[in-house]
Amino acid sequence: MARTQEQRRADTRARLLEAAAELFATRGIDAVSIDAVADAADRTSGAVYDHFGSKHGLVLAVLDSWKRSFLSVMSAEVAASDDPADQLVEWVARPAARARDGGNDREVRDACRIGEALLMVSEPAPQ
């Protein structure tokens, strides 16, 4: 059965987000062009602009995607305990430890890497 236009658009968006997330996490935001994202997703730069408007829009969409994934994972982990101290550990210590230890939680690792990339972009240059 043929896919609908909506399904094809959703697939393109997902491919672009995945490609951008991987490139941003490995190369840093500044080092990644719209064309690089499009190439990695096997799409055109026009598709990137159509879905996100700009590189800034793409970065925000990647961050929003990671935020939703992160919150979903963390909410499930926090729900496993009624103790506020344990919940705090789940929210603060475990994601950082998993990222440091190279755990299998790709969203958490990528979120930490994109956070570091954003900090590098936003930090003032040494004088």
PDB file of N, CA and C in Angstrom:
ATOM      1  N   MET A   1       0.838  -1.176   0.000  1.00  0.00           N
ATOM      2  CA  MET A   1       0.000   0.000   0.000  1.00  0.00           C
ATOM      3  C   MET A   1       0.890   1.249   0.000  1.00  0.00           C
ATOM      4  N   ALA A   2       0.535   2.227  -0.778  1.00  0.00           N
ATOM      5  CA  ALA A   2       1.313   3.465  -0.890  1.00  0.00           C
ATOM      6  C   ALA A   2       1.184   4.285   0.382  1.00  0.00           C
ATOM      7  N   ARG A   3       2.298   4.929   0.716  1.00  0.00           N
ATOM      8  CA  ARG A   3       2.289   5.784   1.902  1.00  0.00           C
ATOM      9  C   ARG A   3       1.672   7.128   1.551  1.00  0.00           C
ATOM     10  N   THR A   4       1.074   7.755   2.543  1.00  0.00           N
ATOM     11  CA  THR A   4       0.463   9.063   2.329  1.00  0.00           C
ATOM     12  C   THR A   4       1.535  10.146   2.346  1.00  0.00           C
ATOM     13  N   GLN A   5       1.176  11.311   1.855  1.00  0.00           N
ATOM     14  CA  GLN A   5       2.084  12.460   1.887  1.00  0.00           C
ATOM     15  C   GLN A   5       2.481  12.772   3.332  1.00  0.00           C
ATOM     16  N   GLU A   6       1.546  12.665   4.236  1.00  0.00           N
ATOM     17  CA  GLU A   6       1.822  12.929   5.655  1.00  0.00           C
ATOM     18  C   GLU A   6       2.851  11.938   6.205  1.00  0.00           C
ATOM     19  N   GLN A   7       2.739  10.686   5.834  1.00  0.00           N
ATOM     20  CA  GLN A   7       3.703   9.673   6.279  1.00  0.00           C
ATOM     21  C   GLN A   7       5.084   9.940   5.697  1.00  0.00           C
ATOM     22  N   ARG A   8       5.146  10.323   4.424  1.00  0.00           N
ATOM     23  CA  ARG A   8       6.437  10.633   3.804  1.00  0.00           C
ATOM     24  C   ARG A   8       7.077  11.855   4.452  1.00  0.00           C
ATOM     25  N   ARG A   9       6.275  12.882   4.771  1.00  0.00           N
ATOM     26  CA  ARG A   9       6.796  14.073   5.441  1.00  0.00           C
ATOM     27  C   ARG A   9       7.330  13.722   6.829  1.00  0.00           C
ATOM     28  N   ALA A  10       6.588  12.894   7.548  1.00  0.00           N
ATOM     29  CA  ALA A  10       7.018  12.485   8.893  1.00  0.00           C
ATOM     30  C   ALA A  10       8.328  11.696   8.812  1.00  0.00           C
ATOM     31  N   ASP A  11       8.454  10.837   7.813  1.00  0.00           N
ATOM     32  CA  ASP A  11       9.680  10.069   7.626  1.00  0.00           C
ATOM     33  C   ASP A  11      10.852  10.995   7.311  1.00  0.00           C
ATOM     34  N   THR A  12      10.631  11.955   6.431  1.00  0.00           N
ATOM     35  CA  THR A  12      11.700  12.902   6.082  1.00  0.00           C
ATOM     36  C   THR A  12      12.120  13.699   7.302  1.00  0.00           C
ATOM     37  N   ARG A  13      11.163  14.181   8.060  1.00  0.00           N
ATOM     38  CA  ARG A  13      11.475  14.951   9.274  1.00  0.00           C
ATOM     39  C   ARG A  13      12.294  14.106  10.251  1.00  0.00           C
ATOM     40  N   ALA A  14      11.868  12.875  10.461  1.00  0.00           N
ATOM     41  CA  ALA A  14      12.573  11.988  11.393  1.00  0.00           C
ATOM     42  C   ALA A  14      14.000  11.715  10.906  1.00  0.00           C
ATOM     43  N   ARG A  15      14.169  11.493   9.616  1.00  0.00           N
ATOM     44  CA  ARG A  15      15.503  11.238   9.066  1.00  0.00           C
ATOM     45  C   ARG A  15      16.404  12.457   9.228  1.00  0.00           C
ATOM     46  N   LEU A  16      15.851  13.633   8.976  1.00  0.00           N
ATOM     47  CA  LEU A  16      16.626  14.867   9.126  1.00  0.00           C
ATOM     48  C   LEU A  16      17.021  15.089  10.581  1.00  0.00           C
ATOM     49  N   LEU A  17      16.091  14.872  11.504  1.00  0.00           N
ATOM     50  CA  LEU A  17      16.395  15.042  12.928  1.00  0.00           C
ATOM     51  C   LEU A  17      17.465  14.062  13.384  1.00  0.00           C
ATOM     52  N   GLU A  18      17.359  12.817  12.952  1.00  0.00           N
ATOM     53  CA  GLU A  18      18.342  11.810  13.350  1.00  0.00           C
ATOM     54  C   GLU A  18      19.724  12.160  12.801  1.00  0.00           C
ATOM     55  N   ALA A  19      19.771  12.554  11.540  1.00  0.00           N
ATOM     56  CA  ALA A  19      21.055  12.923  10.935  1.00  0.00           C
ATOM     57  C   ALA A  19      21.653  14.136  11.637  1.00  0.00           C
ATOM     58  N   ALA A  20      20.831  15.143  11.898  1.00  0.00           N
ATOM     59  CA  ALA A  20      21.313  16.349  12.569  1.00  0.00           C
ATOM     60  C   ALA A  20      21.809  16.033  13.973  1.00  0.00           C
ATOM     61  N   ALA A  21      21.067  15.222  14.703  1.00  0.00           N
ATOM     62  CA  ALA A  21      21.471  14.862  16.069  1.00  0.00           C
ATOM     63  C   ALA A  21      22.828  14.187  16.068  1.00  0.00           C
ATOM     64  N   GLU A  22      23.021  13.256  15.163  1.00  0.00           N
ATOM     65  CA  GLU A  22      24.293  12.538  15.089  1.00  0.00           C
ATOM     66  C   GLU A  22      25.432  13.489  14.713  1.00  0.00           C
ATOM     67  N   LEU A  23      25.217  14.318  13.714  1.00  0.00           N
ATOM     68  CA  LEU A  23      26.263  15.242  13.279  1.00  0.00           C
ATOM     69  C   LEU A  23      26.574  16.289  14.344  1.00  0.00           C
ATOM     70  N   PHE A  24      25.544  16.866  14.959  1.00  0.00           N
ATOM     71  CA  PHE A  24      25.767  17.870  16.008  1.00  0.00           C
ATOM     72  C   PHE A  24      26.538  17.259  17.174  1.00  0.00           C
ATOM     73  N   ALA A  25      26.167  16.031  17.539  1.00  0.00           N
ATOM     74  CA  ALA A  25      26.808  15.382  18.685  1.00  0.00           C
ATOM     75  C   ALA A  25      28.267  15.028  18.399  1.00  0.00           C
ATOM     76  N   THR A  26      28.581  14.683  17.161  1.00  0.00           N
ATOM     77  CA  THR A  26      29.945  14.256  16.863  1.00  0.00           C
ATOM     78  C   THR A  26      30.850  15.383  16.388  1.00  0.00           C
ATOM     79  N   ARG A  27      30.282  16.365  15.689  1.00  0.00           N
ATOM     80  CA  ARG A  27      31.111  17.432  15.120  1.00  0.00           C
ATOM     81  C   ARG A  27      30.957  18.780  15.805  1.00  0.00           C
ATOM     82  N   GLY A  28      29.836  18.968  16.504  1.00  0.00           N
ATOM     83  CA  GLY A  28      29.524  20.270  17.078  1.00  0.00           C
ATOM     84  C   GLY A  28      28.615  21.041  16.123  1.00  0.00           C
ATOM     85  N   ILE A  29      27.798  21.880  16.678  1.00  0.00           N
ATOM     86  CA  ILE A  29      26.788  22.583  15.889  1.00  0.00           C
ATOM     87  C   ILE A  29      27.406  23.466  14.821  1.00  0.00           C
ATOM     88  N   ASP A  30      28.405  24.243  15.183  1.00  0.00           N
ATOM     89  CA  ASP A  30      28.995  25.181  14.231  1.00  0.00           C
ATOM     90  C   ASP A  30      29.636  24.494  13.034  1.00  0.00           C
ATOM     91  N   ALA A  31      30.110  23.279  13.208  1.00  0.00           N
ATOM     92  CA  ALA A  31      30.826  22.574  12.142  1.00  0.00           C
ATOM     93  C   ALA A  31      29.895  21.843  11.174  1.00  0.00           C
ATOM     94  N   VAL A  32      28.594  21.900  11.421  1.00  0.00           N
ATOM     95  CA  VAL A  32      27.637  21.158  10.598  1.00  0.00           C
ATOM     96  C   VAL A  32      26.818  22.130   9.754  1.00  0.00           C
ATOM     97  N   SER A  33      26.786  21.873   8.468  1.00  0.00           N
ATOM     98  CA  SER A  33      26.002  22.716   7.556  1.00  0.00           C
ATOM     99  C   SER A  33      24.652  22.059   7.257  1.00  0.00           C
ATOM    100  N   ILE A  34      23.742  22.849   6.737  1.00  0.00           N
ATOM    101  CA  ILE A  34      22.448  22.327   6.288  1.00  0.00           C
ATOM    102  C   ILE A  34      22.675  21.240   5.236  1.00  0.00           C
ATOM    103  N   ASP A  35      23.599  21.494   4.311  1.00  0.00           N
ATOM    104  CA  ASP A  35      23.885  20.512   3.266  1.00  0.00           C
ATOM    105  C   ASP A  35      24.396  19.201   3.852  1.00  0.00           C
ATOM    106  N   ALA A  36      25.222  19.264   4.888  1.00  0.00           N
ATOM    107  CA  ALA A  36      25.741  18.048   5.517  1.00  0.00           C
ATOM    108  C   ALA A  36      24.606  17.236   6.132  1.00  0.00           C
ATOM    109  N   VAL A  37      23.675  17.919   6.781  1.00  0.00           N
ATOM    110  CA  VAL A  37      22.520  17.228   7.369  1.00  0.00           C
ATOM    111  C   VAL A  37      21.686  16.586   6.267  1.00  0.00           C
ATOM    112  N   ALA A  38      21.420  17.344   5.211  1.00  0.00           N
ATOM    113  CA  ALA A  38      20.623  16.827   4.103  1.00  0.00           C
ATOM    114  C   ALA A  38      21.298  15.604   3.483  1.00  0.00           C
ATOM    115  N   ASP A  39      22.601  15.692   3.247  1.00  0.00           N
ATOM    116  CA  ASP A  39      23.336  14.559   2.667  1.00  0.00           C
ATOM    117  C   ASP A  39      23.271  13.332   3.565  1.00  0.00           C
ATOM    118  N   ALA A  40      23.480  13.526   4.860  1.00  0.00           N
ATOM    119  CA  ALA A  40      23.466  12.403   5.797  1.00  0.00           C
ATOM    120  C   ALA A  40      22.096  11.738   5.873  1.00  0.00           C
ATOM    121  N   ALA A  41      21.050  12.511   5.633  1.00  0.00           N
ATOM    122  CA  ALA A  41      19.682  11.972   5.677  1.00  0.00           C
ATOM    123  C   ALA A  41      19.203  11.509   4.302  1.00  0.00           C
ATOM    124  N   ASP A  42      20.066  11.655   3.299  1.00  0.00           N
ATOM    125  CA  ASP A  42      19.705  11.336   1.917  1.00  0.00           C
ATOM    126  C   ASP A  42      18.480  12.135   1.467  1.00  0.00           C
ATOM    127  N   ARG A  43      18.514  13.412   1.818  1.00  0.00           N
ATOM    128  CA  ARG A  43      17.463  14.356   1.437  1.00  0.00           C
ATOM    129  C   ARG A  43      18.123  15.605   0.866  1.00  0.00           C
ATOM    130  N   THR A  44      17.326  16.589   0.501  1.00  0.00           N
ATOM    131  CA  THR A  44      17.866  17.830  -0.052  1.00  0.00           C
ATOM    132  C   THR A  44      17.901  18.913   1.019  1.00  0.00           C
ATOM    133  N   SER A  45      18.718  19.932   0.774  1.00  0.00           N
ATOM    134  CA  SER A  45      18.742  21.055   1.716  1.00  0.00           C
ATOM    135  C   SER A  45      17.381  21.748   1.733  1.00  0.00           C
ATOM    136  N   GLY A  46      16.679  21.718   0.600  1.00  0.00           N
ATOM    137  CA  GLY A  46      15.327  22.290   0.567  1.00  0.00           C
ATOM    138  C   GLY A  46      14.391  21.618   1.553  1.00  0.00           C
ATOM    139  N   ALA A  47      14.580  20.311   1.746  1.00  0.00           N
ATOM    140  CA  ALA A  47      13.748  19.593   2.725  1.00  0.00           C
ATOM    141  C   ALA A  47      14.026  20.090   4.135  1.00  0.00           C
ATOM    142  N   VAL A  48      15.295  20.369   4.423  1.00  0.00           N
ATOM    143  CA  VAL A  48      15.646  20.894   5.748  1.00  0.00           C
ATOM    144  C   VAL A  48      14.948  22.233   5.961  1.00  0.00           C
ATOM    145  N   TYR A  49      15.056  23.118   4.982  1.00  0.00           N
ATOM    146  CA  TYR A  49      14.419  24.439   5.099  1.00  0.00           C
ATOM    147  C   TYR A  49      12.900  24.319   5.165  1.00  0.00           C
ATOM    148  N   ASP A  50      12.332  23.388   4.406  1.00  0.00           N
ATOM    149  CA  ASP A  50      10.884  23.195   4.420  1.00  0.00           C
ATOM    150  C   ASP A  50      10.384  22.769   5.796  1.00  0.00           C
ATOM    151  N   HIS A  51      11.131  21.874   6.438  1.00  0.00           N
ATOM    152  CA  HIS A  51      10.691  21.349   7.735  1.00  0.00           C
ATOM    153  C   HIS A  51      11.075  22.243   8.911  1.00  0.00           C
ATOM    154  N   PHE A  52      12.210  22.933   8.825  1.00  0.00           N
ATOM    155  CA  PHE A  52      12.728  23.635   9.999  1.00  0.00           C
ATOM    156  C   PHE A  52      12.972  25.126   9.782  1.00  0.00           C
ATOM    157  N   GLY A  53      12.956  25.584   8.549  1.00  0.00           N
ATOM    158  CA  GLY A  53      13.097  27.005   8.262  1.00  0.00           C
ATOM    159  C   GLY A  53      14.532  27.510   8.211  1.00  0.00           C
ATOM    160  N   SER A  54      15.391  26.960   9.049  1.00  0.00           N
ATOM    161  CA  SER A  54      16.772  27.425   9.150  1.00  0.00           C
ATOM    162  C   SER A  54      17.566  26.437   9.991  1.00  0.00           C
ATOM    163  N   LYS A  55      18.858  26.655  10.048  1.00  0.00           N
ATOM    164  CA  LYS A  55      19.694  25.820  10.909  1.00  0.00           C
ATOM    165  C   LYS A  55      19.288  26.020  12.366  1.00  0.00           C
ATOM    166  N   HIS A  56      18.995  27.249  12.734  1.00  0.00           N
ATOM    167  CA  HIS A  56      18.540  27.539  14.099  1.00  0.00           C
ATOM    168  C   HIS A  56      17.283  26.727  14.422  1.00  0.00           C
ATOM    169  N   GLY A  57      16.331  26.696  13.494  1.00  0.00           N
ATOM    170  CA  GLY A  57      15.113  25.912  13.693  1.00  0.00           C
ATOM    171  C   GLY A  57      15.406  24.432  13.825  1.00  0.00           C
ATOM    172  N   LEU A  58      16.375  23.950  13.062  1.00  0.00           N
ATOM    173  CA  LEU A  58      16.772  22.551  13.145  1.00  0.00           C
ATOM    174  C   LEU A  58      17.391  22.240  14.500  1.00  0.00           C
ATOM    175  N   VAL A  59      18.274  23.105  14.965  1.00  0.00           N
ATOM    176  CA  VAL A  59      18.891  22.904  16.288  1.00  0.00           C
ATOM    177  C   VAL A  59      17.814  22.860  17.365  1.00  0.00           C
ATOM    178  N   LEU A  60      16.869  23.782  17.312  1.00  0.00           N
ATOM    179  CA  LEU A  60      15.789  23.799  18.306  1.00  0.00           C
ATOM    180  C   LEU A  60      14.942  22.534  18.236  1.00  0.00           C
ATOM    181  N   ALA A  61      14.684  22.037  17.032  1.00  0.00           N
ATOM    182  CA  ALA A  61      13.900  20.805  16.887  1.00  0.00           C
ATOM    183  C   ALA A  61      14.654  19.604  17.444  1.00  0.00           C
ATOM    184  N   VAL A  62      15.967  19.548  17.220  1.00  0.00           N
ATOM    185  CA  VAL A  62      16.774  18.457  17.783  1.00  0.00           C
ATOM    186  C   VAL A  62      16.739  18.523  19.305  1.00  0.00           C
ATOM    187  N   LEU A  63      16.932  19.704  19.844  1.00  0.00           N
ATOM    188  CA  LEU A  63      16.897  19.856  21.305  1.00  0.00           C
ATOM    189  C   LEU A  63      15.533  19.473  21.867  1.00  0.00           C
ATOM    190  N   ASP A  64      14.465  19.863  21.184  1.00  0.00           N
ATOM    191  CA  ASP A  64      13.120  19.516  21.637  1.00  0.00           C
ATOM    192  C   ASP A  64      12.908  18.008  21.604  1.00  0.00           C
ATOM    193  N   SER A  65      13.408  17.359  20.558  1.00  0.00           N
ATOM    194  CA  SER A  65      13.294  15.907  20.464  1.00  0.00           C
ATOM    195  C   SER A  65      14.044  15.226  21.601  1.00  0.00           C
ATOM    196  N   TRP A  66      15.282  15.684  21.867  1.00  0.00           N
ATOM    197  CA  TRP A  66      16.056  15.112  22.962  1.00  0.00           C
ATOM    198  C   TRP A  66      15.389  15.375  24.306  1.00  0.00           C
ATOM    199  N   LYS A  67      14.839  16.567  24.454  1.00  0.00           N
ATOM    200  CA  LYS A  67      14.167  16.902  25.710  1.00  0.00           C
ATOM    201  C   LYS A  67      13.002  15.950  25.956  1.00  0.00           C
ATOM    202  N   ARG A  68      12.185  15.711  24.933  1.00  0.00           N
ATOM    203  CA  ARG A  68      11.046  14.806  25.089  1.00  0.00           C
ATOM    204  C   ARG A  68      11.516  13.387  25.410  1.00  0.00           C
ATOM    205  N   SER A  69      12.555  12.912  24.730  1.00  0.00           N
ATOM    206  CA  SER A  69      13.077  11.571  25.006  1.00  0.00           C
ATOM    207  C   SER A  69      13.627  11.483  26.423  1.00  0.00           C
ATOM    208  N   PHE A  70      14.403  12.485  26.795  1.00  0.00           N
ATOM    209  CA  PHE A  70      15.007  12.524  28.118  1.00  0.00           C
ATOM    210  C   PHE A  70      13.926  12.534  29.206  1.00  0.00           C
ATOM    211  N   LEU A  71      12.928  13.395  29.042  1.00  0.00           N
ATOM    212  CA  LEU A  71      11.870  13.477  30.044  1.00  0.00           C
ATOM    213  C   LEU A  71      11.079  12.184  30.146  1.00  0.00           C
ATOM    214  N   SER A  72      10.866  11.519  29.037  1.00  0.00           N
ATOM    215  CA  SER A  72      10.146  10.256  29.049  1.00  0.00           C
ATOM    216  C   SER A  72      10.922   9.197  29.837  1.00  0.00           C
ATOM    217  N   VAL A  73      12.215   9.092  29.546  1.00  0.00           N
ATOM    218  CA  VAL A  73      13.056   8.116  30.251  1.00  0.00           C
ATOM    219  C   VAL A  73      13.126   8.453  31.736  1.00  0.00           C
ATOM    220  N   MET A  74      13.399   9.706  32.048  1.00  0.00           N
ATOM    221  CA  MET A  74      13.572  10.097  33.439  1.00  0.00           C
ATOM    222  C   MET A  74      12.268  10.005  34.224  1.00  0.00           C
ATOM    223  N   SER A  75      11.155  10.348  33.608  1.00  0.00           N
ATOM    224  CA  SER A  75       9.869  10.242  34.307  1.00  0.00           C
ATOM    225  C   SER A  75       9.578   8.803  34.688  1.00  0.00           C
ATOM    226  N   ALA A  76       9.885   7.883  33.790  1.00  0.00           N
ATOM    227  CA  ALA A  76       9.675   6.462  34.099  1.00  0.00           C
ATOM    228  C   ALA A  76      10.576   6.011  35.242  1.00  0.00           C
ATOM    229  N   GLU A  77      11.815   6.476  35.249  1.00  0.00           N
ATOM    230  CA  GLU A  77      12.738   6.079  36.315  1.00  0.00           C
ATOM    231  C   GLU A  77      12.332   6.687  37.658  1.00  0.00           C
ATOM    232  N   VAL A  78      11.900   7.932  37.649  1.00  0.00           N
ATOM    233  CA  VAL A  78      11.482   8.583  38.889  1.00  0.00           C
ATOM    234  C   VAL A  78      10.216   7.920  39.436  1.00  0.00           C
ATOM    235  N   ALA A  79       9.337   7.509  38.543  1.00  0.00           N
ATOM    236  CA  ALA A  79       8.093   6.873  38.977  1.00  0.00           C
ATOM    237  C   ALA A  79       8.343   5.551  39.698  1.00  0.00           C
ATOM    238  N   ALA A  80       9.528   4.997  39.542  1.00  0.00           N
ATOM    239  CA  ALA A  80       9.847   3.720  40.185  1.00  0.00           C
ATOM    240  C   ALA A  80      10.077   3.859  41.685  1.00  0.00           C
ATOM    241  N   SER A  81      10.164   5.092  42.202  1.00  0.00           N
ATOM    242  CA  SER A  81      10.421   5.296  43.626  1.00  0.00           C
ATOM    243  C   SER A  81       9.517   6.394  44.179  1.00  0.00           C
ATOM    244  N   ASP A  82       9.132   6.242  45.450  1.00  0.00           N
ATOM    245  CA  ASP A  82       8.358   7.284  46.120  1.00  0.00           C
ATOM    246  C   ASP A  82       9.239   8.164  46.996  1.00  0.00           C
ATOM    247  N   ASP A  83      10.501   7.788  47.151  1.00  0.00           N
ATOM    248  CA  ASP A  83      11.429   8.524  48.001  1.00  0.00           C
ATOM    249  C   ASP A  83      11.995   9.725  47.239  1.00  0.00           C
ATOM    250  N   PRO A  84      11.763  10.957  47.731  1.00  0.00           N
ATOM    251  CA  PRO A  84      12.274  12.143  47.030  1.00  0.00           C
ATOM    252  C   PRO A  84      13.794  12.135  46.830  1.00  0.00           C
ATOM    253  N   ALA A  85      14.545  11.599  47.767  1.00  0.00           N
ATOM    254  CA  ALA A  85      16.002  11.540  47.618  1.00  0.00           C
ATOM    255  C   ALA A  85      16.383  10.633  46.449  1.00  0.00           C
ATOM    256  N   ASP A  86      15.716   9.477  46.350  1.00  0.00           N
ATOM    257  CA  ASP A  86      15.978   8.570  45.229  1.00  0.00           C
ATOM    258  C   ASP A  86      15.580   9.213  43.910  1.00  0.00           C
ATOM    259  N   GLN A  87      14.478   9.942  43.912  1.00  0.00           N
ATOM    260  CA  GLN A  87      14.036  10.615  42.690  1.00  0.00           C
ATOM    261  C   GLN A  87      15.047  11.665  42.244  1.00  0.00           C
ATOM    262  N   LEU A  88      15.605  12.382  43.208  1.00  0.00           N
ATOM    263  CA  LEU A  88      16.609  13.385  42.876  1.00  0.00           C
ATOM    264  C   LEU A  88      17.842  12.733  42.252  1.00  0.00           C
ATOM    265  N   VAL A  89      18.245  11.602  42.796  1.00  0.00           N
ATOM    266  CA  VAL A  89      19.379  10.875  42.220  1.00  0.00           C
ATOM    267  C   VAL A  89      19.062  10.477  40.783  1.00  0.00           C
ATOM    268  N   GLU A  90      17.849  10.013  40.540  1.00  0.00           N
ATOM    269  CA  GLU A  90      17.464   9.618  39.185  1.00  0.00           C
ATOM    270  C   GLU A  90      17.541  10.810  38.227  1.00  0.00           C
ATOM    271  N   TRP A  91      17.119  11.979  38.668  1.00  0.00           N
ATOM    272  CA  TRP A  91      17.077  13.156  37.808  1.00  0.00           C
ATOM    273  C   TRP A  91      18.439  13.790  37.585  1.00  0.00           C
ATOM    274  N   VAL A  92      19.325  13.696  38.567  1.00  0.00           N
ATOM    275  CA  VAL A  92      20.576  14.434  38.467  1.00  0.00           C
ATOM    276  C   VAL A  92      21.780  13.525  38.228  1.00  0.00           C
ATOM    277  N   ALA A  93      21.979  12.567  39.078  1.00  0.00           N
ATOM    278  CA  ALA A  93      23.228  11.804  39.058  1.00  0.00           C
ATOM    279  C   ALA A  93      23.271  10.737  37.970  1.00  0.00           C
ATOM    280  N   ARG A  94      22.219  10.005  37.802  1.00  0.00           N
ATOM    281  CA  ARG A  94      22.277   8.867  36.876  1.00  0.00           C
ATOM    282  C   ARG A  94      22.477   9.254  35.420  1.00  0.00           C
ATOM    283  N   PRO A  95      21.800  10.277  34.882  1.00  0.00           N
ATOM    284  CA  PRO A  95      22.060  10.616  33.472  1.00  0.00           C
ATOM    285  C   PRO A  95      23.513  10.988  33.225  1.00  0.00           C
ATOM    286  N   ALA A  96      24.094  11.751  34.130  1.00  0.00           N
ATOM    287  CA  ALA A  96      25.495  12.142  33.965  1.00  0.00           C
ATOM    288  C   ALA A  96      26.402  10.916  34.061  1.00  0.00           C
ATOM    289  N   ALA A  97      26.118  10.031  34.994  1.00  0.00           N
ATOM    290  CA  ALA A  97      26.938   8.826  35.142  1.00  0.00           C
ATOM    291  C   ALA A  97      26.814   7.932  33.918  1.00  0.00           C
ATOM    292  N   ARG A  98      25.604   7.770  33.402  1.00  0.00           N
ATOM    293  CA  ARG A  98      25.414   6.946  32.208  1.00  0.00           C
ATOM    294  C   ARG A  98      26.149   7.544  31.020  1.00  0.00           C
ATOM    295  N   ALA A  99      26.083   8.852  30.889  1.00  0.00           N
ATOM    296  CA  ALA A  99      26.772   9.506  29.769  1.00  0.00           C
ATOM    297  C   ALA A  99      28.283   9.337  29.906  1.00  0.00           C
ATOM    298  N   ARG A 100      28.812   9.547  31.110  1.00  0.00           N
ATOM    299  CA  ARG A 100      30.249   9.395  31.352  1.00  0.00           C
ATOM    300  C   ARG A 100      30.712   7.972  31.109  1.00  0.00           C
ATOM    301  N   ASP A 101      29.887   7.017  31.532  1.00  0.00           N
ATOM    302  CA  ASP A 101      30.268   5.609  31.446  1.00  0.00           C
ATOM    303  C   ASP A 101      29.975   5.003  30.070  1.00  0.00           C
ATOM    304  N   GLY A 102      29.477   5.818  29.156  1.00  0.00           N
ATOM    305  CA  GLY A 102      29.191   5.307  27.817  1.00  0.00           C
ATOM    306  C   GLY A 102      28.059   4.309  27.805  1.00  0.00           C
ATOM    307  N   GLY A 103      27.069   4.536  28.654  1.00  0.00           N
ATOM    308  CA  GLY A 103      25.930   3.626  28.730  1.00  0.00           C
ATOM    309  C   GLY A 103      25.182   3.534  27.416  1.00  0.00           C
ATOM    310  N   ASN A 104      24.178   2.705  27.378  1.00  0.00           N
ATOM    311  CA  ASN A 104      23.435   2.455  26.148  1.00  0.00           C
ATOM    312  C   ASN A 104      22.325   3.463  25.894  1.00  0.00           C
ATOM    313  N   ASP A 105      22.130   4.400  26.786  1.00  0.00           N
ATOM    314  CA  ASP A 105      21.044   5.356  26.634  1.00  0.00           C
ATOM    315  C   ASP A 105      21.502   6.481  25.694  1.00  0.00           C
ATOM    316  N   ARG A 106      21.321   6.273  24.404  1.00  0.00           N
ATOM    317  CA  ARG A 106      21.836   7.204  23.395  1.00  0.00           C
ATOM    318  C   ARG A 106      21.279   8.615  23.566  1.00  0.00           C
ATOM    319  N   GLU A 107      19.999   8.731  23.890  1.00  0.00           N
ATOM    320  CA  GLU A 107      19.417  10.056  24.029  1.00  0.00           C
ATOM    321  C   GLU A 107      20.093  10.855  25.134  1.00  0.00           C
ATOM    322  N   VAL A 108      20.396  10.198  26.242  1.00  0.00           N
ATOM    323  CA  VAL A 108      21.051  10.893  27.351  1.00  0.00           C
ATOM    324  C   VAL A 108      22.464  11.289  26.955  1.00  0.00           C
ATOM    325  N   ARG A 109      23.203  10.376  26.334  1.00  0.00           N
ATOM    326  CA  ARG A 109      24.568  10.707  25.889  1.00  0.00           C
ATOM    327  C   ARG A 109      24.545  11.851  24.892  1.00  0.00           C
ATOM    328  N   ASP A 110      23.639  11.769  23.920  1.00  0.00           N
ATOM    329  CA  ASP A 110      23.562  12.816  22.906  1.00  0.00           C
ATOM    330  C   ASP A 110      23.147  14.146  23.514  1.00  0.00           C
ATOM    331  N   ALA A 111      22.223  14.104  24.470  1.00  0.00           N
ATOM    332  CA  ALA A 111      21.800  15.343  25.122  1.00  0.00           C
ATOM    333  C   ALA A 111      22.961  15.989  25.862  1.00  0.00           C
ATOM    334  N   CYS A 112      23.777  15.173  26.506  1.00  0.00           N
ATOM    335  CA  CYS A 112      24.952  15.725  27.185  1.00  0.00           C
ATOM    336  C   CYS A 112      25.929  16.311  26.185  1.00  0.00           C
ATOM    337  N   ARG A 113      26.143  15.618  25.062  1.00  0.00           N
ATOM    338  CA  ARG A 113      27.076  16.130  24.055  1.00  0.00           C
ATOM    339  C   ARG A 113      26.560  17.402  23.401  1.00  0.00           C
ATOM    340  N   ILE A 114      25.259  17.456  23.118  1.00  0.00           N
ATOM    341  CA  ILE A 114      24.731  18.677  22.498  1.00  0.00           C
ATOM    342  C   ILE A 114      24.777  19.821  23.503  1.00  0.00           C
ATOM    343  N   GLY A 115      24.557  19.511  24.773  1.00  0.00           N
ATOM    344  CA  GLY A 115      24.693  20.547  25.797  1.00  0.00           C
ATOM    345  C   GLY A 115      26.102  21.101  25.842  1.00  0.00           C
ATOM    346  N   GLU A 116      27.084  20.207  25.754  1.00  0.00           N
ATOM    347  CA  GLU A 116      28.479  20.661  25.723  1.00  0.00           C
ATOM    348  C   GLU A 116      28.755  21.483  24.474  1.00  0.00           C
ATOM    349  N   ALA A 117      28.215  21.062  23.337  1.00  0.00           N
ATOM    350  CA  ALA A 117      28.414  21.819  22.093  1.00  0.00           C
ATOM    351  C   ALA A 117      27.785  23.199  22.200  1.00  0.00           C
ATOM    352  N   LEU A 118      26.609  23.277  22.800  1.00  0.00           N
ATOM    353  CA  LEU A 118      25.949  24.576  22.972  1.00  0.00           C
ATOM    354  C   LEU A 118      26.752  25.475  23.901  1.00  0.00           C
ATOM    355  N   LEU A 119      27.321  24.897  24.942  1.00  0.00           N
ATOM    356  CA  LEU A 119      28.145  25.685  25.849  1.00  0.00           C
ATOM    357  C   LEU A 119      29.366  26.234  25.122  1.00  0.00           C
ATOM    358  N   MET A 120      29.979  25.429  24.256  1.00  0.00           N
ATOM    359  CA  MET A 120      31.142  25.901  23.502  1.00  0.00           C
ATOM    360  C   MET A 120      30.763  27.059  22.591  1.00  0.00           C
ATOM    361  N   VAL A 121      29.572  26.999  22.003  1.00  0.00           N
ATOM    362  CA  VAL A 121      29.127  28.058  21.105  1.00  0.00           C
ATOM    363  C   VAL A 121      28.828  29.333  21.891  1.00  0.00           C
ATOM    364  N   SER A 122      28.240  29.189  23.079  1.00  0.00           N
ATOM    365  CA  SER A 122      27.777  30.353  23.817  1.00  0.00           C
ATOM    366  C   SER A 122      28.829  30.964  24.727  1.00  0.00           C
ATOM    367  N   GLU A 123      29.944  30.260  24.991  1.00  0.00           N
ATOM    368  CA  GLU A 123      30.976  30.803  25.860  1.00  0.00           C
ATOM    369  C   GLU A 123      31.722  31.925  25.148  1.00  0.00           C
ATOM    370  N   PRO A 124      31.999  33.009  25.859  1.00  0.00           N
ATOM    371  CA  PRO A 124      32.774  34.081  25.219  1.00  0.00           C
ATOM    372  C   PRO A 124      34.196  33.611  24.940  1.00  0.00           C
ATOM    373  N   ALA A 125      34.756  34.138  23.877  1.00  0.00           N
ATOM    374  CA  ALA A 125      36.124  33.772  23.505  1.00  0.00           C
ATOM    375  C   ALA A 125      37.092  34.333  24.526  1.00  0.00           C
ATOM    376  N   PRO A 126      38.168  33.579  24.843  1.00  0.00           N
ATOM    377  CA  PRO A 126      39.165  34.072  25.799  1.00  0.00           C
ATOM    378  C   PRO A 126      39.827  35.346  25.242  1.00  0.00           C
ATOM    379  N   GLN A 127      40.134  36.244  26.150  1.00  0.00           N
ATOM    380  CA  GLN A 127      40.741  37.513  25.714  1.00  0.00           C
ATOM    381  C   GLN A 127      42.164  37.628  26.148  1.00  0.00           C
TER     382      GLN A 127
END
